[in-house]
PDB file of all heavy atoms in Angstrom:
ATOM      1  N   LYS A   1     225.705  53.587 117.456  1.00  0.00           N
ATOM      2  CA  LYS A   1     226.748  53.063 116.548  1.00  0.00           C
ATOM      3  C   LYS A   1     226.192  52.741 115.118  1.00  0.00           C
ATOM      4  O   LYS A   1     224.959  52.515 114.939  1.00  0.00           O
ATOM      5  CB  LYS A   1     227.141  51.590 117.131  1.00  0.00           C
ATOM      6  CG  LYS A   1     228.073  51.640 118.373  1.00  0.00           C
ATOM      7  CD  LYS A   1     228.337  50.314 118.856  1.00  0.00           C
ATOM      8  CE  LYS A   1     229.388  49.706 118.034  1.00  0.00           C
ATOM      9  NZ  LYS A   1     230.023  48.369 118.539  1.00  0.00           N
ATOM     10  N   TYR A   2     227.096  52.870 114.176  1.00  0.00           N
ATOM     11  CA  TYR A   2     226.790  52.606 112.811  1.00  0.00           C
ATOM     12  C   TYR A   2     225.923  53.570 112.066  1.00  0.00           C
ATOM     13  O   TYR A   2     225.327  53.268 111.083  1.00  0.00           O
ATOM     14  CB  TYR A   2     226.273  51.176 112.566  1.00  0.00           C
ATOM     15  CG  TYR A   2     227.157  50.127 113.336  1.00  0.00           C
ATOM     16  CD1 TYR A   2     226.520  49.372 114.320  1.00  0.00           C
ATOM     17  CD2 TYR A   2     228.449  49.912 113.057  1.00  0.00           C
ATOM     18  CE1 TYR A   2     227.113  48.381 114.993  1.00  0.00           C
ATOM     19  CE2 TYR A   2     229.118  49.008 113.745  1.00  0.00           C
ATOM     20  CZ  TYR A   2     228.576  48.079 114.631  1.00  0.00           C
ATOM     21  OH  TYR A   2     229.229  47.201 115.271  1.00  0.00           O
ATOM     22  N   VAL A   3     225.785  54.838 112.707  1.00  0.00           N
ATOM     23  CA  VAL A   3     224.883  55.844 112.072  1.00  0.00           C
ATOM     24  C   VAL A   3     225.614  57.199 111.964  1.00  0.00           C
ATOM     25  O   VAL A   3     226.335  57.523 112.819  1.00  0.00           O
ATOM     26  CB  VAL A   3     223.598  55.918 112.943  1.00  0.00           C
ATOM     27  CG1 VAL A   3     222.709  57.025 112.475  1.00  0.00           C
ATOM     28  CG2 VAL A   3     222.894  54.661 113.135  1.00  0.00           C
ATOM     29  N   SER A   4     225.306  57.912 110.923  1.00  0.00           N
ATOM     30  CA  SER A   4     225.807  59.316 110.770  1.00  0.00           C
ATOM     31  C   SER A   4     224.970  60.122 110.050  1.00  0.00           C
ATOM     32  O   SER A   4     223.960  59.674 109.311  1.00  0.00           O
ATOM     33  CB  SER A   4     227.240  59.276 110.103  1.00  0.00           C
ATOM     34  OG  SER A   4     227.130  58.746 108.836  1.00  0.00           O
ATOM     35  N   PHE A   5     225.031  61.421 110.121  1.00  0.00           N
ATOM     36  CA  PHE A   5     224.149  62.245 109.382  1.00  0.00           C
ATOM     37  C   PHE A   5     224.758  62.563 107.934  1.00  0.00           C
ATOM     38  O   PHE A   5     224.043  62.784 107.036  1.00  0.00           O
ATOM     39  CB  PHE A   5     224.044  63.716 109.969  1.00  0.00           C
ATOM     40  CG  PHE A   5     223.133  63.631 111.183  1.00  0.00           C
ATOM     41  CD1 PHE A   5     223.528  63.964 112.476  1.00  0.00           C
ATOM     42  CD2 PHE A   5     221.800  63.452 111.036  1.00  0.00           C
ATOM     43  CE1 PHE A   5     222.713  63.887 113.535  1.00  0.00           C
ATOM     44  CE2 PHE A   5     220.878  63.387 112.036  1.00  0.00           C
ATOM     45  CZ  PHE A   5     221.400  63.637 113.399  1.00  0.00           C
ATOM     46  N   THR A   6     226.008  62.333 107.792  1.00  0.00           N
ATOM     47  CA  THR A   6     226.735  62.650 106.508  1.00  0.00           C
ATOM     48  C   THR A   6     227.740  61.629 106.392  1.00  0.00           C
ATOM     49  O   THR A   6     228.043  60.851 107.324  1.00  0.00           O
ATOM     50  CB  THR A   6     227.344  64.050 106.374  1.00  0.00           C
ATOM     51  OG1 THR A   6     228.417  64.146 107.371  1.00  0.00           O
ATOM     52  CG2 THR A   6     226.273  65.148 106.677  1.00  0.00           C
ATOM     53  N   GLN A   7     228.505  61.619 105.233  1.00  0.00           N
ATOM     54  CA  GLN A   7     229.638  60.705 105.032  1.00  0.00           C
ATOM     55  C   GLN A   7     230.787  60.947 106.155  1.00  0.00           C
ATOM     56  O   GLN A   7     231.473  60.111 106.527  1.00  0.00           O
ATOM     57  CB  GLN A   7     230.259  60.812 103.576  1.00  0.00           C
ATOM     58  CG  GLN A   7     229.281  60.259 102.611  1.00  0.00           C
ATOM     59  CD  GLN A   7     229.299  58.870 102.644  1.00  0.00           C
ATOM     60  OE1 GLN A   7     230.025  58.156 103.288  1.00  0.00           O
ATOM     61  NE2 GLN A   7     228.352  58.189 101.782  1.00  0.00           N
ATOM     62  N   GLU A   8     230.914  62.213 106.598  1.00  0.00           N
ATOM     63  CA  GLU A   8     231.938  62.561 107.455  1.00  0.00           C
ATOM     64  C   GLU A   8     231.476  63.429 108.694  1.00  0.00           C
ATOM     65  O   GLU A   8     232.021  64.562 108.862  1.00  0.00           O
ATOM     66  CB  GLU A   8     233.148  63.233 106.753  1.00  0.00           C
ATOM     67  CG  GLU A   8     233.746  62.311 105.675  1.00  0.00           C
ATOM     68  CD  GLU A   8     234.841  63.032 104.940  1.00  0.00           C
ATOM     69  OE1 GLU A   8     235.478  64.000 105.537  1.00  0.00           O
ATOM     70  OE2 GLU A   8     235.140  62.605 103.816  1.00  0.00           O
ATOM     71  N   ASP A   9     230.479  63.014 109.374  1.00  0.00           N
ATOM     72  CA  ASP A   9     229.795  63.956 110.293  1.00  0.00           C
ATOM     73  C   ASP A   9     230.607  64.165 111.558  1.00  0.00           C
ATOM     74  O   ASP A   9     230.258  64.758 112.483  1.00  0.00           O
ATOM     75  CB  ASP A   9     228.395  63.521 110.597  1.00  0.00           C
ATOM     76  CG  ASP A   9     228.259  62.359 111.528  1.00  0.00           C
ATOM     77  OD1 ASP A   9     229.235  61.705 111.887  1.00  0.00           O
ATOM     78  OD2 ASP A   9     227.094  62.145 111.914  1.00  0.00           O
ATOM     79  N   THR A  10     231.765  63.417 111.717  1.00  0.00           N
ATOM     80  CA  THR A  10     232.628  63.617 112.844  1.00  0.00           C
ATOM     81  C   THR A  10     233.108  65.114 113.010  1.00  0.00           C
ATOM     82  O   THR A  10     233.559  65.615 113.948  1.00  0.00           O
ATOM     83  CB  THR A  10     233.835  62.648 112.896  1.00  0.00           C
ATOM     84  OG1 THR A  10     234.479  62.875 111.662  1.00  0.00           O
ATOM     85  CG2 THR A  10     233.437  61.278 113.093  1.00  0.00           C
ATOM     86  N   LYS A  11     233.099  65.701 111.814  1.00  0.00           N
ATOM     87  CA  LYS A  11     233.551  67.121 111.707  1.00  0.00           C
ATOM     88  C   LYS A  11     232.499  68.025 111.806  1.00  0.00           C
ATOM     89  O   LYS A  11     232.758  69.332 111.902  1.00  0.00           O
ATOM     90  CB  LYS A  11     234.174  67.316 110.337  1.00  0.00           C
ATOM     91  CG  LYS A  11     235.485  66.402 110.121  1.00  0.00           C
ATOM     92  CD  LYS A  11     235.980  66.566 108.714  1.00  0.00           C
ATOM     93  CE  LYS A  11     237.203  65.508 108.554  1.00  0.00           C
ATOM     94  NZ  LYS A  11     237.591  65.565 107.239  1.00  0.00           N
ATOM     95  N   LEU A  12     231.292  67.630 111.920  1.00  0.00           N
ATOM     96  CA  LEU A  12     230.123  68.566 112.049  1.00  0.00           C
ATOM     97  C   LEU A  12     229.924  69.221 113.379  1.00  0.00           C
ATOM     98  O   LEU A  12     230.129  68.552 114.476  1.00  0.00           O
ATOM     99  CB  LEU A  12     228.770  67.958 111.744  1.00  0.00           C
ATOM    100  CG  LEU A  12     228.611  67.439 110.282  1.00  0.00           C
ATOM    101  CD1 LEU A  12     227.316  66.669 110.138  1.00  0.00           C
ATOM    102  CD2 LEU A  12     228.671  68.496 109.290  1.00  0.00           C
ATOM    103  N   SER A  13     229.711  70.536 113.462  1.00  0.00           N
ATOM    104  CA  SER A  13     229.320  71.203 114.764  1.00  0.00           C
ATOM    105  C   SER A  13     227.925  70.805 115.209  1.00  0.00           C
ATOM    106  O   SER A  13     227.187  70.274 114.480  1.00  0.00           O
ATOM    107  CB  SER A  13     229.491  72.684 114.471  1.00  0.00           C
ATOM    108  OG  SER A  13     228.407  73.155 113.646  1.00  0.00           O
ATOM    109  N   GLU A  14     227.741  71.258 116.512  1.00  0.00           N
ATOM    110  CA  GLU A  14     226.267  71.045 116.980  1.00  0.00           C
ATOM    111  C   GLU A  14     225.302  71.612 116.034  1.00  0.00           C
ATOM    112  O   GLU A  14     224.193  70.985 115.788  1.00  0.00           O
ATOM    113  CB  GLU A  14     226.272  71.534 118.384  1.00  0.00           C
ATOM    114  CG  GLU A  14     226.929  70.693 119.417  1.00  0.00           C
ATOM    115  CD  GLU A  14     226.802  71.356 120.841  1.00  0.00           C
ATOM    116  OE1 GLU A  14     226.071  72.340 120.967  1.00  0.00           O
ATOM    117  OE2 GLU A  14     227.444  70.890 121.631  1.00  0.00           O
ATOM    118  N   ARG A  15     225.511  72.860 115.646  1.00  0.00           N
ATOM    119  CA  ARG A  15     224.542  73.545 114.783  1.00  0.00           C
ATOM    120  C   ARG A  15     224.207  72.763 113.487  1.00  0.00           C
ATOM    121  O   ARG A  15     223.196  72.641 112.957  1.00  0.00           O
ATOM    122  CB  ARG A  15     225.025  74.905 114.534  1.00  0.00           C
ATOM    123  CG  ARG A  15     224.015  75.707 113.532  1.00  0.00           C
ATOM    124  CD  ARG A  15     224.419  77.109 113.467  1.00  0.00           C
ATOM    125  NE  ARG A  15     223.834  77.769 114.749  1.00  0.00           N
ATOM    126  CZ  ARG A  15     224.058  78.938 115.145  1.00  0.00           C
ATOM    127  NH1 ARG A  15     224.879  79.658 114.418  1.00  0.00           N
ATOM    128  NH2 ARG A  15     223.505  79.445 116.187  1.00  0.00           N
ATOM    129  N   ALA A  16     225.405  72.210 112.856  1.00  0.00           N
ATOM    130  CA  ALA A  16     225.319  71.526 111.641  1.00  0.00           C
ATOM    131  C   ALA A  16     224.592  70.311 111.791  1.00  0.00           C
ATOM    132  O   ALA A  16     223.757  69.894 110.989  1.00  0.00           O
ATOM    133  CB  ALA A  16     226.664  71.268 111.044  1.00  0.00           C
ATOM    134  N   LEU A  17     224.803  69.578 112.996  1.00  0.00           N
ATOM    135  CA  LEU A  17     224.042  68.252 113.294  1.00  0.00           C
ATOM    136  C   LEU A  17     222.594  68.529 113.323  1.00  0.00           C
ATOM    137  O   LEU A  17     221.750  67.719 112.779  1.00  0.00           O
ATOM    138  CB  LEU A  17     224.536  67.708 114.622  1.00  0.00           C
ATOM    139  CG  LEU A  17     225.926  67.008 114.609  1.00  0.00           C
ATOM    140  CD1 LEU A  17     226.243  66.686 116.066  1.00  0.00           C
ATOM    141  CD2 LEU A  17     225.939  65.805 113.733  1.00  0.00           C
ATOM    142  N   MET A  18     222.168  69.671 113.975  1.00  0.00           N
ATOM    143  CA  MET A  18     220.699  69.892 114.087  1.00  0.00           C
ATOM    144  C   MET A  18     220.054  70.187 112.838  1.00  0.00           C
ATOM    145  O   MET A  18     218.910  70.122 112.724  1.00  0.00           O
ATOM    146  CB  MET A  18     220.490  71.005 115.139  1.00  0.00           C
ATOM    147  CG  MET A  18     220.959  70.545 116.540  1.00  0.00           C
ATOM    148  SD  MET A  18     220.705  71.723 117.837  1.00  0.00           S
ATOM    149  CE  MET A  18     220.660  73.283 117.184  1.00  0.00           C
ATOM    150  N   LYS A  19     220.705  70.652 111.783  1.00  0.00           N
ATOM    151  CA  LYS A  19     220.238  70.870 110.444  1.00  0.00           C
ATOM    152  C   LYS A  19     219.657  69.659 109.867  1.00  0.00           C
ATOM    153  O   LYS A  19     218.748  69.677 109.015  1.00  0.00           O
ATOM    154  CB  LYS A  19     221.132  71.605 109.521  1.00  0.00           C
ATOM    155  CG  LYS A  19     221.519  72.915 109.942  1.00  0.00           C
ATOM    156  CD  LYS A  19     222.455  73.581 109.053  1.00  0.00           C
ATOM    157  CE  LYS A  19     222.853  74.954 109.332  1.00  0.00           C
ATOM    158  NZ  LYS A  19     223.768  75.595 108.360  1.00  0.00           N
ATOM    159  N   HIS A  20     220.006  68.559 110.370  1.00  0.00           N
ATOM    160  CA  HIS A  20     219.572  67.244 109.846  1.00  0.00           C
ATOM    161  C   HIS A  20     218.237  66.730 110.594  1.00  0.00           C
ATOM    162  O   HIS A  20     217.869  65.574 110.322  1.00  0.00           O
ATOM    163  CB  HIS A  20     220.665  66.237 109.855  1.00  0.00           C
ATOM    164  CG  HIS A  20     221.865  66.645 108.957  1.00  0.00           C
ATOM    165  ND1 HIS A  20     221.919  66.358 107.640  1.00  0.00           N
ATOM    166  CD2 HIS A  20     222.946  67.157 109.304  1.00  0.00           C
ATOM    167  CE1 HIS A  20     223.072  66.832 107.131  1.00  0.00           C
ATOM    168  NE2 HIS A  20     223.697  67.275 108.146  1.00  0.00           N
ATOM    169  N   VAL A  21     217.936  67.437 111.581  1.00  0.00           N
ATOM    170  CA  VAL A  21     216.772  67.074 112.457  1.00  0.00           C
ATOM    171  C   VAL A  21     215.641  68.007 112.279  1.00  0.00           C
ATOM    172  O   VAL A  21     215.853  69.291 112.446  1.00  0.00           O
ATOM    173  CB  VAL A  21     217.096  66.777 113.936  1.00  0.00           C
ATOM    174  CG1 VAL A  21     215.944  66.527 114.744  1.00  0.00           C
ATOM    175  CG2 VAL A  21     218.342  65.951 114.099  1.00  0.00           C
ATOM    176  N   LYS A  22     214.493  67.548 112.010  1.00  0.00           N
ATOM    177  CA  LYS A  22     213.270  68.560 111.906  1.00  0.00           C
ATOM    178  C   LYS A  22     212.277  68.056 112.929  1.00  0.00           C
ATOM    179  O   LYS A  22     211.995  66.827 113.032  1.00  0.00           O
ATOM    180  CB  LYS A  22     212.564  68.438 110.544  1.00  0.00           C
ATOM    181  CG  LYS A  22     213.592  68.756 109.490  1.00  0.00           C
ATOM    182  CD  LYS A  22     214.051  70.201 109.457  1.00  0.00           C
ATOM    183  CE  LYS A  22     214.966  70.553 108.318  1.00  0.00           C
ATOM    184  NZ  LYS A  22     216.029  71.421 108.652  1.00  0.00           N
ATOM    185  N   VAL A  23     211.725  69.067 113.685  1.00  0.00           N
ATOM    186  CA  VAL A  23     210.748  68.767 114.665  1.00  0.00           C
ATOM    187  C   VAL A  23     209.551  69.471 114.309  1.00  0.00           C
ATOM    188  O   VAL A  23     209.520  70.527 114.008  1.00  0.00           O
ATOM    189  CB  VAL A  23     211.271  69.277 116.051  1.00  0.00           C
ATOM    190  CG1 VAL A  23     210.162  69.102 117.146  1.00  0.00           C
ATOM    191  CG2 VAL A  23     212.463  68.502 116.477  1.00  0.00           C
ATOM    192  N   ASP A  24     208.476  68.684 114.183  1.00  0.00           N
ATOM    193  CA  ASP A  24     206.996  69.228 114.005  1.00  0.00           C
ATOM    194  C   ASP A  24     206.169  68.895 115.232  1.00  0.00           C
ATOM    195  O   ASP A  24     206.227  67.772 115.787  1.00  0.00           O
ATOM    196  CB  ASP A  24     206.507  68.576 112.753  1.00  0.00           C
ATOM    197  CG  ASP A  24     207.283  68.891 111.550  1.00  0.00           C
ATOM    198  OD1 ASP A  24     207.716  69.974 111.290  1.00  0.00           O
ATOM    199  OD2 ASP A  24     207.548  67.918 110.765  1.00  0.00           O
ATOM    200  N   GLU A  25     205.332  69.888 115.576  1.00  0.00           N
ATOM    201  CA  GLU A  25     204.345  69.730 116.615  1.00  0.00           C
ATOM    202  C   GLU A  25     202.956  69.877 116.077  1.00  0.00           C
ATOM    203  O   GLU A  25     202.691  70.831 115.305  1.00  0.00           O
ATOM    204  CB  GLU A  25     204.710  70.654 117.734  1.00  0.00           C
ATOM    205  CG  GLU A  25     203.745  70.486 118.954  1.00  0.00           C
ATOM    206  CD  GLU A  25     203.978  71.468 120.044  1.00  0.00           C
ATOM    207  OE1 GLU A  25     204.548  72.522 119.842  1.00  0.00           O
ATOM    208  OE2 GLU A  25     203.560  71.221 121.171  1.00  0.00           O
ATOM    209  N   SER A  26     202.137  68.971 116.573  1.00  0.00           N
ATOM    210  CA  SER A  26     200.636  69.140 116.169  1.00  0.00           C
ATOM    211  C   SER A  26     199.827  68.767 117.342  1.00  0.00           C
ATOM    212  O   SER A  26     200.438  68.466 118.415  1.00  0.00           O
ATOM    213  CB  SER A  26     200.309  68.108 115.049  1.00  0.00           C
ATOM    214  OG  SER A  26     200.407  66.842 115.483  1.00  0.00           O
ATOM    215  N   ASP A  27     198.569  68.865 117.295  1.00  0.00           N
ATOM    216  CA  ASP A  27     197.751  68.465 118.346  1.00  0.00           C
ATOM    217  C   ASP A  27     197.999  67.035 118.864  1.00  0.00           C
ATOM    218  O   ASP A  27     197.718  66.733 119.961  1.00  0.00           O
ATOM    219  CB  ASP A  27     196.284  68.547 118.024  1.00  0.00           C
ATOM    220  CG  ASP A  27     195.803  70.046 117.856  1.00  0.00           C
ATOM    221  OD1 ASP A  27     196.538  70.854 118.500  1.00  0.00           O
ATOM    222  OD2 ASP A  27     194.848  70.285 117.104  1.00  0.00           O
ATOM    223  N   GLU A  28     198.405  66.182 117.928  1.00  0.00           N
ATOM    224  CA  GLU A  28     198.740  64.796 118.357  1.00  0.00           C
ATOM    225  C   GLU A  28     200.052  64.498 119.024  1.00  0.00           C
ATOM    226  O   GLU A  28     200.257  63.552 119.513  1.00  0.00           O
ATOM    227  CB  GLU A  28     198.668  63.880 117.038  1.00  0.00           C
ATOM    228  CG  GLU A  28     197.210  63.772 116.544  1.00  0.00           C
ATOM    229  CD  GLU A  28     196.953  64.864 115.486  1.00  0.00           C
ATOM    230  OE1 GLU A  28     197.930  65.385 114.833  1.00  0.00           O
ATOM    231  OE2 GLU A  28     195.850  65.314 115.512  1.00  0.00           O
ATOM    232  N   GLY A  29     200.896  65.517 118.980  1.00  0.00           N
ATOM    233  CA  GLY A  29     202.167  65.426 119.638  1.00  0.00           C
ATOM    234  C   GLY A  29     203.355  65.802 118.766  1.00  0.00           C
ATOM    235  O   GLY A  29     203.165  66.475 117.673  1.00  0.00           O
ATOM    236  N   ILE A  30     204.539  65.491 119.160  1.00  0.00           N
ATOM    237  CA  ILE A  30     205.880  65.867 118.575  1.00  0.00           C
ATOM    238  C   ILE A  30     206.169  64.731 117.491  1.00  0.00           C
ATOM    239  O   ILE A  30     206.250  63.549 117.760  1.00  0.00           O
ATOM    240  CB  ILE A  30     206.925  66.075 119.489  1.00  0.00           C
ATOM    241  CG1 ILE A  30     206.660  67.128 120.494  1.00  0.00           C
ATOM    242  CG2 ILE A  30     208.256  66.293 118.803  1.00  0.00           C
ATOM    243  CD1 ILE A  30     207.581  67.166 121.609  1.00  0.00           C
ATOM    244  N   THR A  31     206.586  65.178 116.289  1.00  0.00           N
ATOM    245  CA  THR A  31     207.137  64.253 115.304  1.00  0.00           C
ATOM    246  C   THR A  31     208.507  64.596 114.930  1.00  0.00           C
ATOM    247  O   THR A  31     208.785  65.854 114.763  1.00  0.00           O
ATOM    248  CB  THR A  31     206.252  64.223 114.016  1.00  0.00           C
ATOM    249  OG1 THR A  31     205.016  63.839 114.312  1.00  0.00           O
ATOM    250  CG2 THR A  31     206.839  63.315 112.955  1.00  0.00           C
ATOM    251  N   ILE A  32     209.489  63.724 115.031  1.00  0.00           N
ATOM    252  CA  ILE A  32     210.888  64.045 114.655  1.00  0.00           C
ATOM    253  C   ILE A  32     211.161  63.350 113.342  1.00  0.00           C
ATOM    254  O   ILE A  32     210.971  62.170 113.135  1.00  0.00           O
ATOM    255  CB  ILE A  32     211.838  63.548 115.724  1.00  0.00           C
ATOM    256  CG1 ILE A  32     211.481  64.180 117.054  1.00  0.00           C
ATOM    257  CG2 ILE A  32     213.303  63.669 115.366  1.00  0.00           C
ATOM    258  CD1 ILE A  32     212.185  63.679 118.290  1.00  0.00           C
ATOM    259  N   ASN A  33     211.748  64.044 112.461  1.00  0.00           N
ATOM    260  CA  ASN A  33     212.101  63.663 111.108  1.00  0.00           C
ATOM    261  C   ASN A  33     213.519  63.778 110.876  1.00  0.00           C
ATOM    262  O   ASN A  33     214.072  64.869 111.199  1.00  0.00           O
ATOM    263  CB  ASN A  33     211.395  64.297 110.040  1.00  0.00           C
ATOM    264  CG  ASN A  33     209.832  64.213 110.116  1.00  0.00           C
ATOM    265  OD1 ASN A  33     209.345  63.076 109.946  1.00  0.00           O
ATOM    266  ND2 ASN A  33     209.089  65.322 110.445  1.00  0.00           N
TER     267      ASN A  33
END
């Protein structure tokens, strides 16, 4: 609740949503930005 990726993300497709998530992996583990 109370969170969105954009001003109107109810219209975003799954692919568009994932563009706002970055996953990095290192020896220490996974970092999500």
